[in-house]
N, C-alpha and C. Protein backbone atom coordinates (compact mmCIF):
# COMPACT_ATOMS: atom_id res chain seq x y z
N UNK A 1 -12.45 -28.46 14.83
CA UNK A 1 -11.15 -28.86 14.57
C UNK A 1 -10.64 -26.96 14.17
N UNK A 2 -9.52 -26.44 14.30
CA UNK A 2 -9.17 -25.66 14.30
C UNK A 2 -7.82 -25.72 13.43
N UNK A 3 -7.73 -24.82 12.43
CA UNK A 3 -6.29 -24.70 11.36
C UNK A 3 -5.77 -24.09 12.02
N UNK A 4 -4.23 -24.37 11.85
CA UNK A 4 -3.38 -23.49 12.00
C UNK A 4 -2.62 -23.29 10.12
N UNK A 5 -1.90 -21.38 10.36
CA UNK A 5 -2.09 -20.86 9.74
C UNK A 5 0.12 -21.75 9.25
N UNK A 6 0.34 -21.84 7.83
CA UNK A 6 1.41 -22.07 8.26
C UNK A 6 2.60 -21.17 7.74
N UNK A 7 3.56 -20.82 8.07
CA UNK A 7 4.59 -19.78 8.14
C UNK A 7 4.32 -19.35 7.02
N UNK A 8 4.99 -20.32 5.90
CA UNK A 8 4.68 -20.61 4.49
C UNK A 8 3.10 -18.92 3.92
N UNK A 9 2.45 -19.70 4.37
CA UNK A 9 0.72 -18.92 4.05
C UNK A 9 0.98 -17.61 4.90
N UNK A 10 1.75 -17.32 5.93
CA UNK A 10 0.83 -16.46 6.58
C UNK A 10 2.41 -15.26 6.17
N UNK A 11 3.50 -15.89 5.30
CA UNK A 11 4.70 -15.13 4.83
C UNK A 11 3.49 -14.61 3.42
N UNK A 12 3.17 -15.43 2.60
CA UNK A 12 1.98 -15.24 1.25
C UNK A 12 0.93 -14.02 1.66
N UNK A 13 0.27 -13.40 2.62
CA UNK A 13 -0.49 -13.18 2.89
C UNK A 13 0.25 -12.11 3.17
N UNK A 14 1.13 -11.72 4.68
CA UNK A 14 1.74 -10.38 4.81
C UNK A 14 2.32 -9.63 3.39
N UNK A 15 3.00 -10.50 2.41
CA UNK A 15 3.49 -10.13 1.61
C UNK A 15 3.01 -9.06 0.61
N UNK A 16 1.72 -9.88 0.44
CA UNK A 16 0.07 -9.66 -0.69
C UNK A 16 -0.18 -8.22 -0.03
N UNK A 17 -0.90 -8.12 1.47
CA UNK A 17 -1.09 -6.78 2.23
C UNK A 17 0.18 -5.83 1.64
N UNK A 18 1.41 -6.15 2.07
CA UNK A 18 2.71 -5.32 1.61
C UNK A 18 2.40 -4.71 0.13
N UNK A 19 2.40 -5.11 -0.92
CA UNK A 19 2.67 -5.43 -1.93
C UNK A 19 1.29 -4.35 -2.28
N UNK A 20 0.24 -4.29 -2.20
CA UNK A 20 -1.16 -3.72 -2.01
C UNK A 20 -1.01 -1.83 -1.63
N UNK A 21 -0.17 -2.31 -0.20
CA UNK A 21 -0.36 -0.98 0.27
C UNK A 21 1.10 -0.04 -0.09
N UNK A 22 1.90 -0.90 -0.44
CA UNK A 22 3.10 -0.20 -0.39
C UNK A 22 3.86 0.29 -1.71
N UNK A 23 3.36 -0.69 -2.67
CA UNK A 23 4.18 -1.17 -3.64
C UNK A 23 3.08 -0.56 -4.97
N UNK A 24 1.60 -1.04 -4.91
CA UNK A 24 1.14 -1.42 -6.04
C UNK A 24 0.18 0.52 -6.31
N UNK A 25 0.18 0.77 -7.42
CA UNK A 25 -0.76 1.82 -7.51
C UNK A 25 -1.89 1.77 -7.52
N UNK A 26 -2.32 3.06 -7.10
CA UNK A 26 -4.11 2.54 -7.00
C UNK A 26 -4.96 4.12 -8.07
N UNK A 27 -5.78 3.46 -8.91
CA UNK A 27 -6.38 4.66 -9.47
C UNK A 27 -7.11 6.06 -8.80
N UNK A 28 -7.64 5.45 -7.45
CA UNK A 28 -7.57 6.72 -6.68
C UNK A 28 -6.82 7.17 -6.36
N UNK A 29 -5.85 7.22 -6.02
CA UNK A 29 -4.79 8.12 -5.69
C UNK A 29 -3.58 8.40 -6.97
N UNK A 30 -4.14 8.65 -7.62
CA UNK A 30 -3.79 8.91 -9.37
C UNK A 30 -2.90 8.37 -9.64
N UNK A 31 -3.27 7.05 -9.29
CA UNK A 31 -1.83 6.35 -9.38
C UNK A 31 -0.63 6.20 -8.90
N UNK A 32 -0.65 6.68 -8.04
CA UNK A 32 0.47 6.53 -7.08
C UNK A 32 0.43 5.35 -6.10
N UNK A 33 1.53 5.03 -5.58
CA UNK A 33 1.34 3.76 -4.41
C UNK A 33 0.54 5.07 -3.21
N UNK A 34 0.07 4.05 -2.35
CA UNK A 34 -0.15 4.58 -0.88
C UNK A 34 1.04 5.48 -0.59
N UNK A 35 2.24 4.42 -0.34
CA UNK A 35 3.65 4.95 0.14
C UNK A 35 3.99 6.53 -0.54
N UNK A 36 4.14 6.18 -1.83
CA UNK A 36 4.06 7.84 -2.92
C UNK A 36 3.44 8.48 -2.50
N UNK A 37 2.14 8.42 -2.37
CA UNK A 37 1.04 9.42 -1.86
C UNK A 37 1.13 9.94 -0.61
N UNK A 38 1.58 9.34 0.61
CA UNK A 38 1.59 10.14 1.47
C UNK A 38 3.19 11.09 1.28
N UNK A 39 3.92 10.03 0.68
CA UNK A 39 5.47 11.58 0.61
C UNK A 39 4.67 12.59 0.20
N UNK A 40 4.40 12.33 -0.80
CA UNK A 40 3.96 13.74 -2.16
C UNK A 40 2.67 15.00 -0.93
N UNK A 41 1.87 13.89 -0.34
CA UNK A 41 1.32 15.07 0.55
C UNK A 41 2.00 15.74 1.11
N UNK A 42 3.04 15.20 1.93
CA UNK A 42 3.47 15.33 3.37
C UNK A 42 4.80 15.90 2.67
N UNK A 43 4.79 15.80 1.82
CA UNK A 43 6.61 17.00 1.32
C UNK A 43 5.84 18.08 0.38
N UNK A 44 5.00 18.16 -0.73
CA UNK A 44 4.67 18.80 -1.53
C UNK A 44 3.37 19.75 -2.03
N UNK A 45 3.59 21.12 -1.29
CA UNK A 45 2.35 21.77 -1.23
C UNK A 45 1.72 21.92 -2.07
N UNK A 46 2.37 21.51 -3.16
CA UNK A 46 1.60 22.35 -4.92
C UNK A 46 0.77 20.98 -4.90
N UNK A 47 1.34 20.07 -4.16
CA UNK A 47 0.54 18.35 -5.08
C UNK A 47 -0.65 18.63 -4.39
N UNK A 48 -1.23 19.11 -2.99
CA UNK A 48 -2.49 19.54 -1.68
C UNK A 48 -3.13 19.95 -2.74
N UNK A 49 -3.05 21.46 -3.07
CA UNK A 49 -3.07 22.08 -4.14
C UNK A 49 -4.15 22.06 -5.19
N UNK A 50 -3.22 21.12 -5.99
CA UNK A 50 -4.25 20.29 -7.34
C UNK A 50 -5.16 19.54 -6.26
N UNK A 51 -4.94 18.38 -5.71
CA UNK A 51 -5.81 17.92 -5.43
C UNK A 51 -7.06 18.54 -4.74
């Protein structure tokens, strides 16, 4: 018997992925979120030299 994911459950999972990938800081990225790290990497040449 296949169980369907409700809209609410899907929204909770999507929000968790969004939070993890866009908002949450990561120690391996020097405590930047993924979005912040990518922005600094692409727009700040001195940032790339530090790493």
